[in-house]
Protein backbone atom coordinates (compact mmCIF):
# COMPACT_ATOMS: atom_id res chain seq x y z
CA MET A 1 24.79 -4.81 5.24
CA THR A 2 25.12 -1.33 6.74
CA GLU A 3 27.67 -0.22 9.30
CA ILE A 4 26.08 -0.16 12.76
CA GLN A 5 26.00 3.19 14.48
CA THR A 6 25.32 2.94 18.21
CA HIS A 7 22.37 4.86 19.60
CA PRO A 8 21.87 5.88 23.26
CA GLN A 9 18.32 4.46 23.27
CA ASP A 10 19.40 1.06 21.97
CA GLN A 11 20.08 -0.52 25.35
CA SER A 12 16.78 0.69 26.84
CA VAL A 13 14.59 -1.08 24.25
CA ALA A 14 12.87 -4.19 25.64
CA GLN A 15 13.32 -7.24 23.42
CA ALA A 16 11.46 -10.55 23.24
CA GLU A 17 13.09 -13.79 22.13
CA ASP A 18 11.70 -13.43 18.60
CA GLU A 19 12.35 -9.70 18.18
CA ILE A 20 15.16 -7.69 16.62
CA VAL A 21 16.03 -4.16 17.71
CA ILE A 22 16.46 -1.68 14.87
CA ALA A 23 17.61 1.90 14.47
CA VAL A 24 14.70 3.54 12.65
CA ARG A 25 15.57 5.35 9.42
CA ALA A 26 12.14 5.84 7.80
CA ILE A 27 8.44 5.32 8.54
CA ALA A 28 5.35 5.43 6.32
CA PRO A 29 2.10 6.41 8.09
CA GLU A 30 -1.06 4.93 6.60
CA HIS A 31 -4.00 7.16 5.59
CA ALA A 32 -6.41 5.00 7.56
CA GLU A 33 -4.37 5.40 10.73
CA THR A 34 -4.35 9.18 10.57
CA ILE A 35 -8.14 9.16 10.25
CA LYS A 36 -8.60 6.84 13.24
CA ALA A 37 -5.98 8.47 15.45
CA GLU A 38 -7.14 9.94 18.74
CA PRO A 39 -5.17 12.68 20.54
CA LEU A 40 -1.84 11.06 21.34
CA PRO A 41 1.03 11.85 23.71
CA GLU A 42 3.63 14.33 22.52
CA GLY A 43 6.30 12.63 20.42
CA TRP A 44 4.09 9.71 19.33
CA LEU A 45 4.00 8.99 15.58
CA THR A 46 1.53 6.72 13.83
CA GLY A 47 2.43 4.13 11.20
CA TRP A 48 2.74 0.41 10.53
CA ASP A 49 5.69 0.38 8.19
CA VAL A 50 9.24 0.97 9.33
CA ALA A 51 12.67 0.58 7.77
CA GLY A 52 16.05 0.70 9.47
CA VAL A 53 19.24 -1.07 10.48
CA VAL A 54 19.36 -4.04 12.86
CA MET A 55 21.17 -3.15 16.09
CA ARG A 56 20.53 -6.39 17.98
CA ALA A 57 19.56 -9.79 16.58
CA ALA A 58 16.74 -11.88 18.04
CA PRO A 59 17.91 -13.89 21.08
CA GLU A 60 16.32 -17.02 19.63
CA GLY A 61 18.92 -16.92 16.87
CA PHE A 62 16.65 -16.55 13.84
CA GLY A 63 15.99 -13.62 11.55
CA PRO A 64 18.04 -10.62 10.37
CA LYS A 65 21.50 -10.02 11.81
CA PRO A 66 23.14 -6.84 13.16
CA GLY A 67 23.92 -4.48 10.30
CA ASP A 68 21.16 -5.82 8.02
CA ARG A 69 18.91 -3.25 6.38
CA VAL A 70 15.30 -4.29 6.95
CA VAL A 71 11.70 -3.31 6.37
CA GLY A 72 9.09 -4.44 8.88
CA VAL A 73 5.67 -3.91 10.38
CA ALA A 74 5.18 -2.57 13.88
CA THR A 75 2.36 -3.99 15.97
CA GLY A 76 0.90 -1.64 18.55
CA THR A 77 4.05 0.10 19.75
CA GLU A 78 5.12 3.71 20.12
CA TRP A 79 7.58 5.02 17.56
CA ALA A 80 11.09 5.83 18.69
CA PRO A 81 14.60 6.17 17.20
CA CYS A 82 15.15 2.53 18.22
CA MET A 83 12.43 -0.11 18.47
CA ALA A 84 11.81 -3.85 18.57
CA LEU A 85 10.23 -5.72 15.65
CA SER A 86 9.10 -9.31 15.42
CA THR A 87 11.27 -11.35 13.05
CA GLU A 88 8.00 -12.65 11.57
CA TYR A 89 7.36 -9.20 10.11
CA ALA A 90 10.87 -8.12 9.08
CA VAL A 91 12.44 -8.63 5.65
CA VAL A 92 16.08 -7.94 4.70
CA LEU A 93 16.40 -5.34 1.95
CA PRO A 94 18.67 -5.43 -1.08
CA ASP A 95 21.19 -2.58 -1.19
CA HIS A 96 19.55 -0.87 -4.18
CA VAL A 97 16.29 -0.15 -2.28
CA SER A 98 16.36 2.94 -0.05
CA PHE A 99 14.89 3.07 3.44
CA GLU A 100 12.24 5.51 2.20
CA GLN A 101 11.19 3.25 -0.67
CA ALA A 102 11.12 0.24 1.62
CA ALA A 103 8.97 1.88 4.30
CA ALA A 104 6.45 2.94 1.65
CA LEU A 105 6.25 -0.49 0.01
CA ARG A 106 4.72 -2.88 2.42
CA VAL A 107 1.08 -2.10 3.20
CA ALA A 108 0.12 0.21 0.33
CA VAL A 109 1.88 -1.64 -2.46
CA LEU A 110 0.94 -5.12 -1.29
CA THR A 111 -2.66 -3.92 -0.98
CA ALA A 112 -2.61 -2.81 -4.62
CA LEU A 113 -0.94 -6.04 -5.74
CA ARG A 114 -3.49 -8.20 -3.95
CA LEU A 115 -6.38 -6.17 -5.34
CA VAL A 116 -5.07 -6.76 -8.84
CA ARG A 117 -4.45 -10.46 -8.24
CA SER A 118 -7.93 -10.88 -6.77
CA ALA A 119 -9.44 -9.81 -10.08
CA GLY A 120 -7.68 -12.55 -12.03
CA THR A 121 -6.30 -12.11 -15.54
CA MET A 122 -5.87 -8.44 -16.49
CA ALA A 123 -4.74 -8.59 -20.13
CA GLY A 124 -7.35 -7.12 -22.45
CA ARG A 125 -9.84 -6.29 -19.70
CA ARG A 126 -11.32 -2.86 -19.06
CA VAL A 127 -10.42 -1.51 -15.62
CA LEU A 128 -11.70 1.58 -13.83
CA VAL A 129 -9.76 3.11 -10.93
CA THR A 130 -11.25 5.89 -8.80
CA GLY A 131 -8.90 8.13 -6.86
CA ALA A 132 -6.31 7.33 -9.51
CA GLU A 133 -4.15 10.34 -8.68
CA GLN A 134 -3.10 9.28 -5.21
CA GLY A 135 -1.77 6.44 -3.08
CA ILE A 136 -3.15 3.00 -3.83
CA GLY A 137 -5.08 4.33 -6.82
CA ARG A 138 -1.85 5.29 -8.60
CA LEU A 139 -0.39 1.89 -7.85
CA LEU A 140 -3.49 0.14 -9.19
CA VAL A 141 -3.23 2.09 -12.45
CA GLU A 142 0.43 1.21 -12.85
CA LEU A 143 0.05 -2.48 -11.99
CA ALA A 144 -3.05 -3.02 -14.15
CA ALA A 145 -1.46 -1.21 -17.10
CA THR A 146 1.73 -3.25 -16.72
CA LEU A 147 -0.44 -6.37 -16.98
CA ARG A 148 -1.90 -5.02 -20.27
CA ALA A 149 -5.31 -3.94 -19.05
CA GLU A 150 -7.10 -0.97 -20.63
CA VAL A 151 -7.22 1.39 -17.67
CA THR A 152 -9.47 4.40 -17.10
CA GLY A 153 -8.58 6.60 -14.14
CA ILE A 154 -10.84 9.05 -12.32
CA VAL A 155 -8.94 11.98 -10.80
CA GLY A 156 -9.98 14.87 -8.58
CA ARG A 157 -8.39 17.64 -10.67
CA ALA A 158 -7.65 17.99 -14.37
CA SER A 159 -4.08 19.03 -13.55
CA GLU A 160 -3.42 15.48 -12.31
CA ALA A 161 -4.53 13.75 -15.50
CA GLY A 162 -1.13 13.88 -17.17
CA GLN A 163 0.63 12.08 -14.32
CA VAL A 164 -1.95 9.29 -14.30
CA ALA A 165 -1.66 8.90 -18.07
CA GLU A 166 2.11 8.55 -17.67
CA LEU A 167 1.48 5.66 -15.28
CA GLY A 168 -0.28 3.81 -18.09
CA ALA A 169 -3.93 4.90 -18.02
CA THR A 170 -5.50 4.90 -21.48
CA HIS A 171 -8.22 7.35 -20.45
CA VAL A 172 -8.29 9.86 -17.57
CA VAL A 173 -11.44 11.74 -16.54
CA CYS A 174 -12.46 14.00 -13.66
CA ASP A 175 -15.98 12.65 -13.22
CA ALA A 176 -17.43 9.15 -13.27
CA ALA A 177 -20.08 10.39 -15.71
CA GLU A 178 -17.30 10.97 -18.24
CA ALA A 179 -16.05 7.37 -18.08
CA GLU A 180 -17.09 5.58 -21.26
CA GLY A 181 -18.53 2.10 -21.31
CA ALA A 182 -18.87 -0.67 -18.79
CA PHE A 183 -15.83 -2.07 -16.98
CA ASP A 184 -14.80 -5.61 -16.20
CA VAL A 185 -13.09 -4.52 -12.98
CA VAL A 186 -13.81 -1.43 -10.88
CA TYR A 187 -11.51 -0.40 -8.02
CA ASP A 188 -13.49 2.04 -5.90
CA ALA A 189 -11.77 3.92 -3.08
CA VAL A 190 -14.74 4.50 -0.80
CA ALA A 191 -14.57 8.08 0.45
CA GLY A 192 -18.14 9.23 0.90
CA SER A 193 -19.53 8.16 -2.48
CA THR A 194 -19.26 5.14 -4.75
CA ALA A 195 -17.99 6.80 -7.92
CA GLY A 196 -17.94 3.48 -9.77
CA ALA A 197 -21.66 2.86 -9.26
CA GLY A 198 -23.40 1.68 -12.41
CA LEU A 199 -20.17 1.35 -14.40
CA VAL A 200 -19.51 -2.36 -13.95
CA ALA A 201 -20.10 -4.69 -16.88
CA ASP A 202 -22.34 -7.72 -16.73
CA GLY A 203 -20.20 -10.41 -15.11
CA GLY A 204 -17.70 -7.86 -13.81
CA VAL A 205 -16.59 -7.14 -10.25
CA VAL A 206 -16.34 -4.07 -8.05
CA PHE A 207 -13.73 -3.94 -5.28
CA LEU A 208 -14.36 -1.58 -2.39
CA TYR A 209 -11.26 -0.69 -0.36
CA GLU A 210 -10.01 2.13 1.89
CA SER A 211 -12.60 0.88 4.38
CA PHE A 212 -11.50 3.32 7.10
CA ALA A 213 -12.33 6.41 5.03
CA ALA A 214 -13.67 9.26 7.15
CA ASN A 215 -17.05 9.37 5.40
CA GLY A 216 -18.30 5.91 4.56
CA ALA A 217 -20.83 5.40 1.79
CA ASP A 218 -24.16 3.61 2.13
CA THR A 219 -25.90 2.43 -1.01
CA SER A 220 -28.47 -0.19 -1.92
CA PHE A 221 -27.30 -3.19 -3.90
CA PHE A 222 -29.52 -2.60 -6.95
CA ARG A 223 -28.88 1.13 -7.01
CA PHE A 224 -25.16 0.45 -7.00
CA PHE A 225 -25.28 -1.77 -10.06
CA GLY A 226 -28.09 0.12 -11.80
CA GLY A 227 -30.16 -3.06 -11.88
CA PRO A 228 -29.79 -6.80 -11.21
CA ALA A 229 -26.68 -7.29 -13.37
CA GLN A 230 -24.70 -10.49 -12.98
CA ALA A 231 -21.81 -8.75 -11.29
CA GLY A 232 -19.90 -9.08 -8.05
CA LEU A 233 -19.29 -6.65 -5.19
CA ARG A 234 -16.27 -7.37 -2.99
CA HIS A 235 -14.90 -5.68 0.09
CA PHE A 236 -11.13 -5.82 0.41
CA VAL A 237 -9.15 -5.83 3.68
CA PHE A 238 -5.36 -5.97 3.78
CA ARG A 239 -3.69 -8.80 5.68
CA THR A 240 -0.07 -8.31 6.66
CA ALA A 241 2.38 -10.49 4.73
CA THR A 242 4.88 -12.76 6.42
CA PRO A 243 8.55 -12.98 5.39
CA GLU A 244 7.79 -16.15 3.45
CA ASP A 245 5.36 -14.24 1.25
CA ARG A 246 7.09 -13.90 -2.13
CA GLU A 247 5.05 -10.84 -3.11
CA LEU A 248 7.37 -8.33 -1.44
CA ALA A 249 10.42 -9.80 -3.16
CA GLN A 250 8.63 -9.63 -6.52
CA LEU A 251 7.77 -5.98 -5.98
CA LEU A 252 11.34 -5.16 -5.02
CA ASP A 253 12.49 -6.80 -8.25
CA LEU A 254 10.05 -4.75 -10.35
CA LEU A 255 11.18 -1.57 -8.59
CA THR A 256 14.81 -2.45 -9.26
CA VAL A 257 14.44 -3.00 -13.00
CA GLY A 258 12.28 0.10 -13.44
CA GLU A 259 9.09 -1.67 -14.54
CA LEU A 260 7.20 0.03 -11.73
CA SER A 261 7.93 3.41 -10.19
CA PHE A 262 5.74 3.27 -7.05
CA GLY A 263 5.90 7.05 -7.22
CA GLY A 264 2.49 7.49 -5.62
CA VAL A 265 3.50 6.33 -2.18
CA GLY A 266 5.76 8.37 0.05
CA ALA A 267 7.54 7.78 3.32
CA THR A 268 8.34 9.99 6.27
CA VAL A 269 12.00 10.18 7.23
CA GLN A 270 12.70 9.51 10.90
CA PRO A 271 16.03 11.06 11.95
CA ALA A 272 18.52 8.52 13.30
């Protein structure tokens, strides 16, 4: 629990029965939101993920208490030094996780975790990750490697290869044409081209994510697979977790013991 510091905007924040009011300490804007954003009023900041200290508990009596450090998800509200969050989307943080780490965890890291889980068993399988040098791609490399997959990462610049190798990638290339062999699982960050086209093994699966990329890619089914291979093509969309979802707690534990670094996702500090 953190000592509560009063804020002049605290009392002006409207609060529903199932909402807490927090003092915002960090936010993490999502890439998709910055692409979709229209011109916004001065002072407005985009982002789903927020971390801070509870100033007022929910009137209904459930959820985090004043002084608790929390991470949560905002739903269609303007950012401010103090804001209301539904208790359904707020999780109390352990003391060893910073506000910046917490704000960066929720959407990006849970997206990566669910992509990995959707592919099933990872041990011994060949995995290809496009966009491996940034954001969710870095997290996919680290998670898949931790689960003993043989990971190949595609990066935009050769200077980024070393960092991706340190995350656990067995092979790092700058072009899909340099990736050797067919892959059981392909994670393709759609950003104007499907770099993983033709690289999936018979019986493998391709996951398309980052669906709000600025330049979407259109491709025919058979051209994508290079022929009628017995493979699957899946589109992935993130669904916000609830507090009862044990995934966030598991990720916090991995971060604590140093098994995962989550170094590819950053947060923006919001002054208190």
